PDB file of N, CA and C in Angstrom:
ATOM      1  N   MET A   1      72.303 -59.695-104.501  1.00  0.00           N
ATOM      2  CA  MET A   1      72.882 -58.598-103.342  1.00  0.00           C
ATOM      3  C   MET A   1      71.899 -58.252-102.101  1.00  0.00           C
ATOM      4  N   GLU A   2      70.518 -57.824-102.957  1.00  0.00           N
ATOM      5  CA  GLU A   2      69.898 -58.103-101.666  1.00  0.00           C
ATOM      6  C   GLU A   2      69.034 -58.859-100.688  1.00  0.00           C
ATOM      7  N   LEU A   3      69.501 -60.033-101.251  1.00  0.00           N
ATOM      8  CA  LEU A   3      69.233 -61.276-100.861  1.00  0.00           C
ATOM      9  C   LEU A   3      70.080 -61.271 -99.708  1.00  0.00           C
ATOM     10  N   ILE A   4      71.464 -61.438 -99.467  1.00  0.00           N
ATOM     11  CA  ILE A   4      72.086 -61.262 -98.827  1.00  0.00           C
ATOM     12  C   ILE A   4      72.260 -59.929 -97.773  1.00  0.00           C
ATOM     13  N   ILE A   5      71.805 -59.023 -97.999  1.00  0.00           N
ATOM     14  CA  ILE A   5      71.417 -58.181 -97.089  1.00  0.00           C
ATOM     15  C   ILE A   5      70.150 -58.434 -96.154  1.00  0.00           C
ATOM     16  N   ILE A   6      69.268 -58.729 -96.836  1.00  0.00           N
ATOM     17  CA  ILE A   6      68.150 -58.725 -96.137  1.00  0.00           C
ATOM     18  C   ILE A   6      67.979 -60.385 -95.438  1.00  0.00           C
ATOM     19  N   GLY A   7      69.232 -61.634 -95.555  1.00  0.00           N
ATOM     20  CA  GLY A   7      69.634 -62.589 -94.670  1.00  0.00           C
ATOM     21  C   GLY A   7      70.105 -62.123 -93.280  1.00  0.00           C
ATOM     22  N   ILE A   8      71.472 -61.034 -93.619  1.00  0.00           N
ATOM     23  CA  ILE A   8      72.010 -61.084 -93.081  1.00  0.00           C
ATOM     24  C   ILE A   8      71.325 -60.410 -91.691  1.00  0.00           C
ATOM     25  N   VAL A   9      70.221 -59.215 -92.295  1.00  0.00           N
ATOM     26  CA  VAL A   9      69.814 -58.384 -91.277  1.00  0.00           C
ATOM     27  C   VAL A   9      68.712 -58.851 -91.047  1.00  0.00           C
ATOM     28  N   THR A  10      67.779 -60.013 -91.501  1.00  0.00           N
ATOM     29  CA  THR A  10      66.764 -60.471 -90.356  1.00  0.00           C
ATOM     30  C   THR A  10      67.943 -61.285 -89.730  1.00  0.00           C
ATOM     31  N   ALA A  11      68.601 -62.336 -89.799  1.00  0.00           N
ATOM     32  CA  ALA A  11      69.406 -62.599 -88.691  1.00  0.00           C
ATOM     33  C   ALA A  11      69.660 -62.213 -87.630  1.00  0.00           C
ATOM     34  N   ALA A  12      70.146 -61.017 -87.659  1.00  0.00           N
ATOM     35  CA  ALA A  12      70.495 -60.090 -86.657  1.00  0.00           C
ATOM     36  C   ALA A  12      69.552 -59.828 -85.840  1.00  0.00           C
ATOM     37  N   ASN A  13      68.551 -59.420 -86.788  1.00  0.00           N
ATOM     38  CA  ASN A  13      66.972 -58.801 -86.046  1.00  0.00           C
ATOM     39  C   ASN A  13      66.220 -60.094 -85.108  1.00  0.00           C
ATOM     40  N   PHE A  14      66.940 -61.319 -85.501  1.00  0.00           N
ATOM     41  CA  PHE A  14      66.328 -61.887 -84.742  1.00  0.00           C
ATOM     42  C   PHE A  14      66.836 -62.137 -83.362  1.00  0.00           C
ATOM     43  N   LEU A  15      68.075 -62.568 -83.503  1.00  0.00           N
ATOM     44  CA  LEU A  15      68.745 -62.463 -82.805  1.00  0.00           C
ATOM     45  C   LEU A  15      68.918 -61.451 -81.220  1.00  0.00           C
ATOM     46  N   ILE A  16      68.858 -60.029 -81.921  1.00  0.00           N
ATOM     47  CA  ILE A  16      68.369 -59.185 -80.692  1.00  0.00           C
ATOM     48  C   ILE A  16      66.999 -59.399 -80.267  1.00  0.00           C
ATOM     49  N   LEU A  17      66.261 -59.867 -81.089  1.00  0.00           N
ATOM     50  CA  LEU A  17      64.812 -60.059 -80.360  1.00  0.00           C
ATOM     51  C   LEU A  17      64.972 -61.491 -79.498  1.00  0.00           C
ATOM     52  N   LYS A  18      65.846 -62.385 -79.819  1.00  0.00           N
ATOM     53  CA  LYS A  18      66.424 -63.435 -78.724  1.00  0.00           C
ATOM     54  C   LYS A  18      66.793 -62.976 -77.522  1.00  0.00           C
ATOM     55  N   ILE A  19      67.445 -62.074 -77.604  1.00  0.00           N
ATOM     56  CA  ILE A  19      68.333 -61.546 -76.697  1.00  0.00           C
ATOM     57  C   ILE A  19      67.207 -60.572 -75.708  1.00  0.00           C
ATOM     58  N   LYS A  20      66.479 -59.974 -75.930  1.00  0.00           N
ATOM     59  CA  LYS A  20      65.711 -59.262 -75.384  1.00  0.00           C
ATOM     60  C   LYS A  20      64.572 -60.136 -74.716  1.00  0.00           C
ATOM     61  N   ALA A  21      64.448 -61.271 -75.306  1.00  0.00           N
ATOM     62  CA  ALA A  21      63.220 -62.105 -74.691  1.00  0.00           C
ATOM     63  C   ALA A  21      64.078 -63.084 -73.598  1.00  0.00           C
ATOM     64  N   GLU A  22      65.413 -63.000 -73.641  1.00  0.00           N
ATOM     65  CA  GLU A  22      66.100 -63.756 -72.241  1.00  0.00           C
ATOM     66  C   GLU A  22      66.353 -62.815 -71.183  1.00  0.00           C
ATOM     67  N   LYS A  23      66.398 -61.568 -71.445  1.00  0.00           N
ATOM     68  CA  LYS A  23      66.337 -60.804 -70.483  1.00  0.00           C
ATOM     69  C   LYS A  23      65.039 -60.333 -69.937  1.00  0.00           C
ATOM     70  N   ASN A  24      64.147 -60.980 -70.637  1.00  0.00           N
ATOM     71  CA  ASN A  24      62.763 -60.700 -70.276  1.00  0.00           C
ATOM     72  C   ASN A  24      62.287 -59.224 -70.209  1.00  0.00           C
ATOM     73  N   ARG A  25      62.759 -58.379 -71.574  1.00  0.00           N
ATOM     74  CA  ARG A  25      62.289 -56.909 -71.762  1.00  0.00           C
ATOM     75  C   ARG A  25      61.477 -57.441 -72.771  1.00  0.00           C
ATOM     76  N   TRP A  26      60.083 -57.666 -72.212  1.00  0.00           N
ATOM     77  CA  TRP A  26      58.546 -58.155 -73.131  1.00  0.00           C
ATOM     78  C   TRP A  26      57.913 -56.317 -73.459  1.00  0.00           C
ATOM     79  N   ALA A  27      58.493 -55.260 -73.167  1.00  0.00           N
ATOM     80  CA  ALA A  27      57.611 -54.197 -73.881  1.00  0.00           C
ATOM     81  C   ALA A  27      58.826 -54.103 -74.624  1.00  0.00           C
ATOM     82  N   ASP A  28      59.631 -54.246 -74.984  1.00  0.00           N
ATOM     83  CA  ASP A  28      60.930 -54.148 -76.450  1.00  0.00           C
ATOM     84  C   ASP A  28      60.449 -54.913 -76.851  1.00  0.00           C
ATOM     85  N   LEU A  29      60.085 -56.230 -76.926  1.00  0.00           N
ATOM     86  CA  LEU A  29      59.834 -57.244 -77.642  1.00  0.00           C
ATOM     87  C   LEU A  29      58.710 -57.293 -78.133  1.00  0.00           C
ATOM     88  N   ALA A  30      57.571 -56.871 -77.786  1.00  0.00           N
ATOM     89  CA  ALA A  30      56.142 -56.457 -78.115  1.00  0.00           C
ATOM     90  C   ALA A  30      56.577 -55.673 -79.225  1.00  0.00           C
ATOM     91  N   PHE A  31      57.311 -54.458 -79.026  1.00  0.00           N
ATOM     92  CA  PHE A  31      56.779 -53.231 -79.657  1.00  0.00           C
ATOM     93  C   PHE A  31      57.469 -53.313 -80.999  1.00  0.00           C
ATOM     94  N   ASP A  32      58.534 -54.696 -80.759  1.00  0.00           N
ATOM     95  CA  ASP A  32      59.531 -54.870 -82.132  1.00  0.00           C
ATOM     96  C   ASP A  32      59.066 -55.705 -83.049  1.00  0.00           C
ATOM     97  N   VAL A  33      58.199 -56.743 -82.455  1.00  0.00           N
ATOM     98  CA  VAL A  33      57.573 -57.388 -83.426  1.00  0.00           C
ATOM     99  C   VAL A  33      56.225 -56.632 -83.547  1.00  0.00           C
ATOM    100  N   THR A  34      55.799 -55.787 -83.401  1.00  0.00           N
ATOM    101  CA  THR A  34      54.466 -55.291 -83.787  1.00  0.00           C
ATOM    102  C   THR A  34      55.288 -54.541 -84.623  1.00  0.00           C
ATOM    103  N   VAL A  35      56.073 -53.322 -84.692  1.00  0.00           N
ATOM    104  CA  VAL A  35      56.937 -52.681 -85.805  1.00  0.00           C
ATOM    105  C   VAL A  35      56.813 -53.165 -87.194  1.00  0.00           C
ATOM    106  N   LEU A  36      58.027 -54.891 -87.060  1.00  0.00           N
ATOM    107  CA  LEU A  36      58.480 -55.637 -87.725  1.00  0.00           C
ATOM    108  C   LEU A  36      57.127 -56.608 -88.945  1.00  0.00           C
ATOM    109  N   ALA A  37      56.013 -56.152 -88.126  1.00  0.00           N
ATOM    110  CA  ALA A  37      54.656 -56.773 -88.656  1.00  0.00           C
ATOM    111  C   ALA A  37      53.982 -55.649 -89.792  1.00  0.00           C
ATOM    112  N   ILE A  38      54.268 -54.426 -88.851  1.00  0.00           N
ATOM    113  CA  ILE A  38      53.447 -53.970 -89.596  1.00  0.00           C
ATOM    114  C   ILE A  38      54.347 -53.298 -90.680  1.00  0.00           C
ATOM    115  N   LEU A  39      55.675 -53.198 -90.584  1.00  0.00           N
ATOM    116  CA  LEU A  39      56.683 -52.595 -92.048  1.00  0.00           C
ATOM    117  C   LEU A  39      56.697 -53.788 -92.736  1.00  0.00           C
ATOM    118  N   SER A  40      56.169 -55.076 -93.017  1.00  0.00           N
ATOM    119  CA  SER A  40      56.202 -56.228 -93.409  1.00  0.00           C
ATOM    120  C   SER A  40      54.933 -56.473 -94.094  1.00  0.00           C
ATOM    121  N   PHE A  41      54.037 -55.998 -93.720  1.00  0.00           N
ATOM    122  CA  PHE A  41      52.436 -55.707 -94.696  1.00  0.00           C
ATOM    123  C   PHE A  41      52.554 -54.499 -95.036  1.00  0.00           C
ATOM    124  N   LEU A  42      53.242 -53.181 -94.767  1.00  0.00           N
ATOM    125  CA  LEU A  42      52.933 -51.950 -95.918  1.00  0.00           C
ATOM    126  C   LEU A  42      53.845 -52.275 -96.751  1.00  0.00           C
ATOM    127  N   PHE A  43      55.219 -53.138 -96.642  1.00  0.00           N
ATOM    128  CA  PHE A  43      56.582 -53.117 -97.936  1.00  0.00           C
ATOM    129  C   PHE A  43      56.208 -54.353 -99.050  1.00  0.00           C
ATOM    130  N   SER A  44      55.237 -54.868 -98.217  1.00  0.00           N
ATOM    131  CA  SER A  44      55.385 -56.490 -98.916  1.00  0.00           C
ATOM    132  C   SER A  44      54.545 -56.361-100.745  1.00  0.00           C
ATOM    133  N   GLY A  45      55.371 -57.416-101.087  1.00  0.00           N
ATOM    134  CA  GLY A  45      54.575 -57.682-102.535  1.00  0.00           C
ATOM    135  C   GLY A  45      56.058 -57.379-103.644  1.00  0.00           C
ATOM    136  N   THR A  46      57.315 -56.667-103.029  1.00  0.00           N
ATOM    137  CA  THR A  46      58.677 -56.675-103.546  1.00  0.00           C
ATOM    138  C   THR A  46      59.632 -56.553-102.772  1.00  0.00           C
ATOM    139  N   LEU A  47      60.169 -57.279-103.249  1.00  0.00           N
ATOM    140  CA  LEU A  47      61.985 -57.502-102.485  1.00  0.00           C
ATOM    141  C   LEU A  47      62.858 -56.183-101.901  1.00  0.00           C
ATOM    142  N   GLY A  48      62.589 -55.589-102.873  1.00  0.00           N
ATOM    143  CA  GLY A  48      63.288 -54.256-102.283  1.00  0.00           C
ATOM    144  C   GLY A  48      62.104 -53.498-101.404  1.00  0.00           C
ATOM    145  N   GLY A  49      60.979 -53.467-101.336  1.00  0.00           N
ATOM    146  CA  GLY A  49      60.414 -53.091-100.015  1.00  0.00           C
ATOM    147  C   GLY A  49      60.246 -53.788 -99.053  1.00  0.00           C
ATOM    148  N   LEU A  50      60.465 -55.324 -98.869  1.00  0.00           N
ATOM    149  CA  LEU A  50      60.598 -56.276 -97.660  1.00  0.00           C
ATOM    150  C   LEU A  50      62.279 -55.798 -97.350  1.00  0.00           C
ATOM    151  N   THR A  51      63.530 -55.655 -97.799  1.00  0.00           N
ATOM    152  CA  THR A  51      64.782 -55.334 -97.375  1.00  0.00           C
ATOM    153  C   THR A  51      64.830 -54.369 -96.869  1.00  0.00           C
ATOM    154  N   VAL A  52      63.759 -52.943 -97.237  1.00  0.00           N
ATOM    155  CA  VAL A  52      63.497 -51.950 -96.399  1.00  0.00           C
ATOM    156  C   VAL A  52      62.919 -52.045 -94.891  1.00  0.00           C
ATOM    157  N   ALA A  53      61.618 -52.503 -95.004  1.00  0.00           N
ATOM    158  CA  ALA A  53      61.135 -53.235 -93.514  1.00  0.00           C
ATOM    159  C   ALA A  53      62.046 -53.968 -92.856  1.00  0.00           C
ATOM    160  N   MET A  54      62.948 -54.651 -93.478  1.00  0.00           N
ATOM    161  CA  MET A  54      63.762 -55.616 -92.373  1.00  0.00           C
ATOM    162  C   MET A  54      64.954 -54.691 -92.042  1.00  0.00           C
ATOM    163  N   ILE A  55      65.595 -53.699 -92.817  1.00  0.00           N
ATOM    164  CA  ILE A  55      66.677 -52.749 -92.534  1.00  0.00           C
ATOM    165  C   ILE A  55      65.872 -51.664 -91.316  1.00  0.00           C
ATOM    166  N   SER A  56      64.687 -51.140 -91.717  1.00  0.00           N
ATOM    167  CA  SER A  56      64.074 -50.206 -90.529  1.00  0.00           C
ATOM    168  C   SER A  56      63.833 -51.129 -89.379  1.00  0.00           C
ATOM    169  N   SER A  57      63.303 -52.287 -89.503  1.00  0.00           N
ATOM    170  CA  SER A  57      62.818 -52.787 -88.395  1.00  0.00           C
ATOM    171  C   SER A  57      64.576 -53.251 -87.259  1.00  0.00           C
ATOM    172  N   PHE A  58      65.154 -53.729 -88.374  1.00  0.00           N
ATOM    173  CA  PHE A  58      66.611 -54.087 -87.440  1.00  0.00           C
ATOM    174  C   PHE A  58      67.052 -52.781 -86.716  1.00  0.00           C
ATOM    175  N   THR A  59      66.880 -51.576 -87.188  1.00  0.00           N
ATOM    176  CA  THR A  59      67.335 -49.876 -86.828  1.00  0.00           C
ATOM    177  C   THR A  59      66.832 -49.821 -85.332  1.00  0.00           C
ATOM    178  N   VAL A  60      65.385 -50.241 -85.263  1.00  0.00           N
ATOM    179  CA  VAL A  60      64.198 -49.792 -84.329  1.00  0.00           C
ATOM    180  C   VAL A  60      64.841 -50.798 -83.426  1.00  0.00           C
ATOM    181  N   SER A  61      65.316 -51.949 -83.693  1.00  0.00           N
ATOM    182  CA  SER A  61      65.403 -53.146 -82.549  1.00  0.00           C
ATOM    183  C   SER A  61      66.936 -52.646 -81.591  1.00  0.00           C
ATOM    184  N   SER A  62      67.234 -51.930 -82.604  1.00  0.00           N
ATOM    185  CA  SER A  62      69.246 -51.775 -82.152  1.00  0.00           C
ATOM    186  C   SER A  62      68.545 -50.513 -81.239  1.00  0.00           C
ATOM    187  N   TYR A  63      68.515 -49.999 -82.041  1.00  0.00           N
ATOM    188  CA  TYR A  63      67.792 -48.334 -80.907  1.00  0.00           C
ATOM    189  C   TYR A  63      68.047 -48.621 -79.501  1.00  0.00           C
ATOM    190  N   LEU A  64      66.269 -49.191 -79.698  1.00  0.00           N
ATOM    191  CA  LEU A  64      65.462 -49.929 -78.343  1.00  0.00           C
ATOM    192  C   LEU A  64      66.363 -50.771 -77.453  1.00  0.00           C
ATOM    193  N   TYR A  65      67.474 -51.609 -78.015  1.00  0.00           N
ATOM    194  CA  TYR A  65      68.246 -52.462 -77.009  1.00  0.00           C
ATOM    195  C   TYR A  65      69.261 -51.707 -76.423  1.00  0.00           C
ATOM    196  N   PHE A  66      69.568 -50.820 -77.066  1.00  0.00           N
ATOM    197  CA  PHE A  66      70.260 -49.619 -76.352  1.00  0.00           C
ATOM    198  C   PHE A  66      69.775 -48.513 -75.474  1.00  0.00           C
ATOM    199  N   TYR A  67      68.872 -48.320 -75.928  1.00  0.00           N
ATOM    200  CA  TYR A  67      67.983 -47.337 -75.355  1.00  0.00           C
ATOM    201  C   TYR A  67      66.769 -47.768 -74.857  1.00  0.00           C
ATOM    202  N   PRO A  68      66.497 -48.714 -74.007  1.00  0.00           N
ATOM    203  CA  PRO A  68      64.899 -49.193 -73.798  1.00  0.00           C
ATOM    204  C   PRO A  68      63.837 -47.948 -73.005  1.00  0.00           C
ATOM    205  N   PRO A  69      62.713 -48.282 -73.426  1.00  0.00           N
ATOM    206  CA  PRO A  69      61.727 -47.220 -72.989  1.00  0.00           C
ATOM    207  C   PRO A  69      61.716 -47.357 -71.257  1.00  0.00           C
ATOM    208  N   ASN A  70      61.099 -46.295 -70.697  1.00  0.00           N
ATOM    209  CA  ASN A  70      60.931 -46.611 -69.331  1.00  0.00           C
ATOM    210  C   ASN A  70      59.194 -46.432 -69.410  1.00  0.00           C
ATOM    211  N   LEU A  71      58.469 -47.612 -69.628  1.00  0.00           N
ATOM    212  CA  LEU A  71      57.119 -47.719 -69.616  1.00  0.00           C
ATOM    213  C   LEU A  71      56.493 -46.856 -68.285  1.00  0.00           C
ATOM    214  N   LYS A  72      57.138 -47.577 -67.295  1.00  0.00           N
ATOM    215  CA  LYS A  72      56.114 -47.033 -65.632  1.00  0.00           C
ATOM    216  C   LYS A  72      56.169 -45.507 -65.789  1.00  0.00           C
ATOM    217  N   LYS A  73      56.970 -44.738 -66.397  1.00  0.00           N
ATOM    218  CA  LYS A  73      57.306 -43.395 -66.672  1.00  0.00           C
ATOM    219  C   LYS A  73      56.322 -42.797 -67.501  1.00  0.00           C
ATOM    220  N   ILE A  74      55.694 -43.398 -68.592  1.00  0.00           N
ATOM    221  CA  ILE A  74      54.847 -42.756 -69.247  1.00  0.00           C
ATOM    222  C   ILE A  74      53.508 -43.492 -69.255  1.00  0.00           C
ATOM    223  N   PHE A  75      53.359 -44.449 -68.429  1.00  0.00           N
ATOM    224  CA  PHE A  75      51.917 -44.874 -68.178  1.00  0.00           C
ATOM    225  C   PHE A  75      51.618 -43.889 -66.370  1.00  0.00           C
ATOM    226  N   THR A  76      52.649 -43.675 -65.905  1.00  0.00           N
ATOM    227  CA  THR A  76      52.223 -43.404 -64.473  1.00  0.00           C
ATOM    228  C   THR A  76      51.573 -41.661 -64.468  1.00  0.00           C
ATOM    229  N   PHE A  77      50.161 -41.506 -63.920  1.00  0.00           N
ATOM    230  CA  PHE A  77      48.925 -40.422 -64.123  1.00  0.00           C
ATOM    231  C   PHE A  77      49.794 -39.716 -62.616  1.00  0.00           C
ATOM    232  N   LYS A  78      49.861 -38.672 -62.864  1.00  0.00           N
ATOM    233  CA  LYS A  78      50.147 -37.972 -61.651  1.00  0.00           C
ATOM    234  C   LYS A  78      49.167 -36.794 -61.517  1.00  0.00           C
ATOM    235  N   ASN A  79      48.129 -36.777 -60.324  1.00  0.00           N
ATOM    236  CA  ASN A  79      46.805 -35.838 -60.793  1.00  0.00           C
ATOM    237  C   ASN A  79      47.946 -34.678 -59.887  1.00  0.00           C
ATOM    238  N   LYS A  80      47.697 -33.606 -60.493  1.00  0.00           N
ATOM    239  CA  LYS A  80      48.220 -32.013 -59.508  1.00  0.00           C
ATOM    240  C   LYS A  80      47.070 -31.350 -58.945  1.00  0.00           C
TER     241      LYS A  80
END
């Protein structure tokens, strides 16, 4: 059952990453790939851990797809 879940979630996660690349949302894409890499590294070694990593990465990717971060606002410094 875990193999089916991880397969579906992995495919959905990579489809979201592909859509972001086609829409030139490079900040979201870079953050998603970084989260995916870190989670895969942290939970590597067990099938259950990789399932958790893919589901959490998919959740982050989905959230950032619908609510993209405003990086210009974050990295703009104003001197008062």
